[in-house]
Amino acid sequence: MTLPVPRDRNGMSEAEFLAQYDAARYARPSVAVDMVVLTVADQAQPNYRKLPAKKLQLLLIRRGEHPYLGQWALPGGFVSVDESLDEAARRELHDETGIADIYLQPLAAWGEVDRDPRTRVISCSYLALVDSTQLPLQAGTDAADAQWFQLSCTLVEQTTTQLPTGMQTNRLYLIELTGSAEEACPLPLTAEVRRVDTAEGKRRSSKLVIESSNGLAFDHAKIIYAATERLKQQIEHTDIAFQLMPERFTLSALQQVYEIIGGKELLAAAFRRKIAPLVEETDATTRDAGHRPSRLYRFNPFAIQKEFL
């Protein structure tokens, strides 16, 4: 039995509709991708007997073209008409920084009308966690430079307002990005991002506003804030922290990563009990001068995670 061809209210089949469709009927915004690439790196200690402290770092490129010439931005660029969002993200990251073959997870879409002074641009952002020791940087295309910046995102102000049918919470975050003293870059880059969460009856809304931005291009301060919040959520419930670790690591180094991202100190004994199902001991130890060797561990990809931090 042959089914009748579906026709619209003008009597056209889908093939007839597509044959006469005018793609220029609606204005088409440009689409871009922006990548938040984070790592945890050692910070030099003046006392060689102390273990190196670890710091969260963010990869930025210095723009070599207008707009925001000379300012720092997330790696990214426009999506070509013949590639997917994921393909564009990988291409732009490699073109601007030389980094390839890393996992990029979708973060959020950004579509404020005036977010780019050139034209209407909608951006899809991605988050990646990497071991920076395995990723040499090389700036290219429209990037004049590519560097790792030490990142902190701190809550500096919080107020709550009672509404007739709900509540509004207002939080102000300070983002600070500090580069290497040996590099030619402003120290530090800063931005203030305000988050307003409103709950009225059954309705919930959240809004981000950039209060100030010093040296960061576009609305990238918002994207950086969103990435840090996503990371805090995932560190509690997933094994994402292991993407920041080398193949073999000490439990102390792993604990530092959890403390940096989670923003709180952890008891060593409790941490090791809870992390035990996710790691396996190796025969290797550290050979650092100035302190006793420590056992090295590696991620156990076959662990069944029943409870996490």
Protein backbone atom coordinates (compact mmCIF):
# COMPACT_ATOMS: atom_id res chain seq x y z
CA MET A 1 0.00 0.00 0.00
CA THR A 2 1.42 3.36 -1.06
CA LEU A 3 0.92 6.17 1.41
CA PRO A 4 -0.14 9.57 0.05
CA VAL A 5 2.59 12.23 -0.23
CA PRO A 6 2.23 14.73 2.66
CA ARG A 7 1.40 18.24 1.41
CA ASP A 8 1.36 21.55 3.25
CA ARG A 9 -1.42 24.13 3.27
CA ASN A 10 -0.17 25.41 -0.11
CA GLY A 11 -0.44 21.96 -1.63
CA MET A 12 3.34 21.44 -1.94
CA SER A 13 5.24 18.25 -1.22
CA GLU A 14 8.51 18.45 0.72
CA ALA A 15 10.54 18.14 -2.49
CA GLU A 16 8.57 20.99 -4.10
CA PHE A 17 8.92 23.14 -0.97
CA LEU A 18 12.71 22.65 -0.80
CA ALA A 19 13.10 23.38 -4.53
CA GLN A 20 11.62 26.85 -4.11
CA TYR A 21 12.91 27.62 -0.58
CA ASP A 22 14.79 30.97 -0.32
CA ALA A 23 17.57 30.66 2.27
CA ALA A 24 18.07 34.43 2.20
CA ARG A 25 14.56 34.98 3.57
CA TYR A 26 15.94 35.11 7.12
CA ALA A 27 19.10 36.90 8.25
CA ARG A 28 21.69 34.32 9.25
CA PRO A 29 24.03 35.04 12.20
CA SER A 30 27.60 33.83 12.17
CA VAL A 31 28.47 30.83 14.34
CA ALA A 32 31.72 30.54 16.29
CA VAL A 33 33.38 28.16 18.74
CA ASP A 34 35.41 29.09 21.84
CA MET A 35 37.49 26.62 23.85
CA VAL A 36 38.23 26.74 27.58
CA VAL A 37 41.36 24.60 28.01
CA LEU A 38 42.38 24.07 31.65
CA THR A 39 45.32 22.36 33.28
CA VAL A 40 46.86 22.01 36.73
CA ALA A 41 50.56 22.81 36.78
CA ASP A 42 53.30 22.87 39.40
CA GLN A 43 54.34 26.19 40.90
CA ALA A 44 57.98 26.58 41.82
CA GLN A 45 58.79 26.51 45.53
CA PRO A 46 61.69 28.51 47.06
CA ASN A 47 62.38 25.59 49.40
CA TYR A 48 63.41 22.56 47.37
CA ARG A 49 62.44 20.28 50.25
CA LYS A 50 58.77 21.17 49.82
CA LEU A 51 56.56 19.49 47.26
CA PRO A 52 55.63 21.90 44.42
CA ALA A 53 52.23 23.54 44.88
CA LYS A 54 49.78 23.08 42.03
CA LYS A 55 47.75 25.86 40.42
CA LEU A 56 44.82 25.86 38.00
CA GLN A 57 45.83 27.36 34.65
CA LEU A 58 43.89 28.54 31.59
CA LEU A 59 45.11 28.67 27.99
CA LEU A 60 44.68 32.07 26.30
CA ILE A 61 45.75 33.52 22.97
CA ARG A 62 46.67 37.14 22.32
CA ARG A 63 44.68 38.50 19.40
CA GLY A 64 46.74 39.58 16.41
CA GLU A 65 43.83 41.20 14.53
CA HIS A 66 40.91 43.56 15.13
CA PRO A 67 38.65 43.60 17.09
CA TYR A 68 40.32 43.60 20.50
CA LEU A 69 43.76 43.73 18.90
CA GLY A 70 46.43 42.85 21.46
CA GLN A 71 43.96 41.64 24.08
CA TRP A 72 43.75 38.09 25.40
CA ALA A 73 40.99 35.67 24.47
CA LEU A 74 39.98 32.04 24.50
CA PRO A 75 41.13 30.07 21.46
CA GLY A 76 38.33 29.99 18.90
CA GLY A 77 36.96 31.17 15.60
CA PHE A 78 34.18 30.90 13.05
CA VAL A 79 32.54 27.67 11.94
CA SER A 80 32.74 26.94 8.22
CA VAL A 81 29.56 26.02 6.36
CA ASP A 82 30.91 22.54 5.58
CA GLU A 83 32.02 21.44 9.08
CA SER A 84 30.39 20.47 12.35
CA LEU A 85 30.82 22.37 15.61
CA ASP A 86 33.16 19.69 16.96
CA GLU A 87 35.26 19.76 13.79
CA ALA A 88 35.51 23.56 13.94
CA ALA A 89 36.55 23.46 17.60
CA ARG A 90 39.35 20.98 16.92
CA ARG A 91 40.52 22.90 13.85
CA GLU A 92 40.58 26.31 15.54
CA LEU A 93 42.33 25.00 18.64
CA HIS A 94 45.05 23.41 16.52
CA ASP A 95 45.41 26.43 14.22
CA GLU A 96 45.76 28.93 17.09
CA THR A 97 47.73 26.93 19.65
CA GLY A 98 49.13 23.81 17.95
CA ILE A 99 47.16 21.55 20.32
CA ALA A 100 45.45 18.52 18.80
CA ASP A 101 43.81 15.24 19.81
CA ILE A 102 42.24 16.28 23.10
CA TYR A 103 38.70 15.65 24.30
CA LEU A 104 36.44 18.72 24.10
CA GLN A 105 33.11 18.57 25.92
CA PRO A 106 30.31 21.03 25.05
CA LEU A 107 29.94 23.74 27.70
CA ALA A 108 27.25 26.29 26.72
CA ALA A 109 25.97 28.49 23.91
CA TRP A 110 26.28 32.28 24.02
CA GLY A 111 23.95 34.43 21.95
CA GLU A 112 23.70 37.98 23.29
CA VAL A 113 23.00 40.28 20.35
CA ASP A 114 25.95 42.66 20.92
CA ARG A 115 28.57 40.15 22.11
CA ASP A 116 30.76 40.70 19.02
CA PRO A 117 31.27 44.20 17.50
CA ARG A 118 31.68 42.80 13.97
CA THR A 119 28.29 41.20 13.45
CA ARG A 120 25.71 38.96 15.09
CA VAL A 121 27.69 35.98 16.39
CA ILE A 122 26.45 32.95 18.31
CA SER A 123 29.24 31.01 20.01
CA CYS A 124 29.28 27.41 21.20
CA SER A 125 31.88 26.93 23.91
CA TYR A 126 33.81 23.79 24.85
CA LEU A 127 35.68 22.68 27.97
CA ALA A 128 38.83 20.57 27.98
CA LEU A 129 41.09 19.35 30.79
CA VAL A 130 44.63 18.46 29.80
CA ASP A 131 48.08 17.57 31.10
CA SER A 132 49.97 20.65 29.87
CA THR A 133 53.37 18.96 30.14
CA GLN A 134 52.43 16.90 27.10
CA LEU A 135 51.13 19.86 25.05
CA PRO A 136 53.73 22.27 23.61
CA LEU A 137 52.14 25.54 22.49
CA GLN A 138 52.62 27.20 19.12
CA ALA A 139 50.62 30.32 18.22
CA GLY A 140 49.26 30.58 14.68
CA THR A 141 46.66 32.11 12.30
CA ASP A 142 45.25 35.29 13.92
CA ALA A 143 46.86 34.59 17.32
CA ALA A 144 49.96 36.65 18.13
CA ASP A 145 50.81 34.51 21.14
CA ALA A 146 49.52 31.58 23.21
CA GLN A 147 50.19 31.21 26.93
CA TRP A 148 49.07 29.48 30.11
CA PHE A 149 47.67 31.84 32.76
CA GLN A 150 47.18 31.01 36.42
CA LEU A 151 43.42 31.24 37.03
CA SER A 152 41.39 32.11 40.10
CA CYS A 153 37.65 32.78 40.28
CA THR A 154 36.63 34.09 43.71
CA LEU A 155 33.24 34.97 45.15
CA VAL A 156 33.68 38.51 46.57
CA GLU A 157 30.11 39.60 47.25
CA GLN A 158 26.75 37.93 47.82
CA THR A 159 23.33 39.35 48.64
CA THR A 160 19.85 37.83 48.81
CA THR A 161 16.65 39.78 48.23
CA GLN A 162 13.18 38.60 49.20
CA LEU A 163 10.66 38.98 46.36
CA PRO A 164 6.85 38.99 46.70
CA THR A 165 6.68 35.41 45.41
CA GLY A 166 10.26 34.22 45.67
CA MET A 167 13.91 35.15 46.10
CA GLN A 168 16.80 36.67 44.16
CA THR A 169 20.45 35.92 44.85
CA ASN A 170 23.14 38.26 43.55
CA ARG A 171 26.77 37.06 43.46
CA LEU A 172 29.84 38.94 42.25
CA TYR A 173 32.90 36.93 41.17
CA LEU A 174 36.42 38.23 40.59
CA ILE A 175 38.39 36.47 37.84
CA GLU A 176 42.17 36.93 37.95
CA LEU A 177 44.56 35.59 35.31
CA THR A 178 48.27 35.85 35.99
CA GLY A 179 50.86 35.03 33.35
CA SER A 180 54.52 34.16 33.71
CA ALA A 181 56.71 37.02 34.86
CA GLU A 182 59.08 36.23 31.99
CA GLU A 183 56.42 36.76 29.34
CA ALA A 184 55.29 40.05 27.81
CA CYS A 185 51.70 40.14 29.04
CA PRO A 186 49.66 42.30 31.43
CA LEU A 187 49.80 41.01 35.00
CA PRO A 188 47.13 40.27 35.92
CA LEU A 189 44.16 40.21 33.59
CA THR A 190 40.98 40.76 35.62
CA ALA A 191 37.23 40.70 35.19
CA GLU A 192 34.17 40.95 37.43
CA VAL A 193 31.21 38.75 36.56
CA ARG A 194 27.88 39.14 38.31
CA ARG A 195 25.47 36.21 38.51
CA VAL A 196 21.82 36.88 39.32
CA ASP A 197 19.64 33.87 40.16
CA THR A 198 15.91 34.49 40.47
CA ALA A 199 13.24 32.12 41.77
CA GLU A 200 9.64 33.29 41.54
CA GLY A 201 6.96 30.67 42.05
CA LYS A 202 7.86 27.81 39.70
CA ARG A 203 10.04 29.97 37.47
CA ARG A 204 13.84 29.88 37.67
CA SER A 205 16.26 32.11 35.79
CA SER A 206 19.96 32.85 35.85
CA LYS A 207 21.75 35.80 34.25
CA LEU A 208 25.44 36.65 33.87
CA VAL A 209 26.64 40.25 33.52
CA ILE A 210 30.22 41.44 33.01
CA GLU A 211 30.73 44.35 35.41
CA SER A 212 34.32 45.02 34.33
CA SER A 213 36.96 43.47 32.10
CA ASN A 214 40.63 44.40 31.91
CA GLY A 215 42.48 42.84 28.98
CA LEU A 216 39.99 40.06 28.18
CA ALA A 217 38.29 40.18 24.77
CA PHE A 218 34.61 39.79 23.91
CA ASP A 219 32.42 38.24 26.63
CA HIS A 220 35.00 35.58 27.43
CA ALA A 221 34.93 36.39 31.15
CA LYS A 222 31.43 34.87 31.24
CA ILE A 223 32.60 31.72 29.48
CA ILE A 224 35.56 31.34 31.85
CA TYR A 225 33.26 31.69 34.86
CA ALA A 226 30.85 29.09 33.45
CA ALA A 227 33.73 26.67 32.88
CA THR A 228 34.96 26.96 36.48
CA GLU A 229 31.43 26.30 37.77
CA ARG A 230 31.05 23.25 35.49
CA LEU A 231 34.39 21.93 36.68
CA LYS A 232 33.41 22.27 40.36
CA GLN A 233 30.23 20.30 39.69
CA GLN A 234 31.98 17.54 37.77
CA ILE A 235 34.85 17.10 40.22
CA GLU A 236 32.31 16.02 42.84
CA HIS A 237 30.57 13.36 40.78
CA THR A 238 32.85 12.14 37.99
CA ASP A 239 36.42 11.00 37.36
CA ILE A 240 37.19 14.11 35.30
CA ALA A 241 40.14 15.06 37.54
CA PHE A 242 42.23 12.27 36.02
CA GLN A 243 42.27 14.13 32.70
CA LEU A 244 44.53 16.66 34.44
CA MET A 245 46.99 14.06 35.70
CA PRO A 246 49.97 12.44 34.01
CA GLU A 247 49.87 8.69 33.49
CA ARG A 248 51.45 8.10 36.90
CA PHE A 249 50.99 10.36 39.91
CA THR A 250 51.16 10.50 43.69
CA LEU A 251 48.01 10.55 45.79
CA SER A 252 49.16 13.83 47.33
CA ALA A 253 49.30 15.43 43.88
CA LEU A 254 45.84 14.07 43.05
CA GLN A 255 44.47 15.45 46.31
CA GLN A 256 45.89 18.88 45.48
CA VAL A 257 43.95 18.84 42.20
CA TYR A 258 40.68 18.06 43.99
CA GLU A 259 41.34 20.79 46.55
CA ILE A 260 42.20 23.41 43.91
CA ILE A 261 39.11 22.75 41.82
CA GLY A 262 36.72 22.16 44.71
CA GLY A 263 38.00 25.17 46.65
CA LYS A 264 38.32 23.34 49.97
CA GLU A 265 40.88 21.34 51.91
CA LEU A 266 40.36 17.59 52.27
CA LEU A 267 41.47 15.24 55.00
CA ALA A 268 44.14 12.99 53.54
CA ALA A 269 42.89 9.77 55.14
CA ALA A 270 39.27 10.34 54.06
CA PHE A 271 40.33 11.33 50.57
CA ARG A 272 42.44 8.20 50.11
CA ARG A 273 39.63 5.92 51.28
CA LYS A 274 37.16 7.39 48.83
CA ILE A 275 39.58 7.57 45.90
CA ALA A 276 40.92 4.04 46.40
CA PRO A 277 38.47 2.33 43.95
CA LEU A 278 39.56 4.71 41.15
CA VAL A 279 43.32 4.18 41.32
CA GLU A 280 45.76 1.31 41.25
CA GLU A 281 49.23 1.19 42.74
CA THR A 282 52.31 0.84 40.50
CA ASP A 283 55.80 -0.40 41.31
CA ALA A 284 57.31 3.04 40.67
CA THR A 285 58.14 5.80 43.15
CA THR A 286 59.10 9.45 42.85
CA ARG A 287 62.77 10.43 42.77
CA ASP A 288 62.50 14.05 43.85
CA ALA A 289 65.40 15.48 45.79
CA GLY A 290 64.80 16.81 49.27
CA HIS A 291 62.04 14.47 50.47
CA ARG A 292 61.23 10.81 50.75
CA PRO A 293 60.12 8.87 47.65
CA SER A 294 56.35 8.47 47.26
CA ARG A 295 54.46 5.63 45.64
CA LEU A 296 53.08 6.37 42.17
CA TYR A 297 49.55 5.41 41.14
CA ARG A 298 47.55 5.39 37.92
CA PHE A 299 43.89 5.72 37.03
CA ASN A 300 41.89 2.48 37.08
CA PRO A 301 39.48 2.85 34.11
CA PHE A 302 37.62 -0.32 35.06
CA ALA A 303 36.65 0.85 38.54
CA ILE A 304 32.94 0.92 39.36
CA GLN A 305 32.32 4.18 41.13
CA LYS A 306 29.62 3.80 43.80
CA GLU A 307 30.37 6.81 45.94
CA PHE A 308 32.39 9.91 45.29
CA LEU A 309 33.60 13.00 47.06
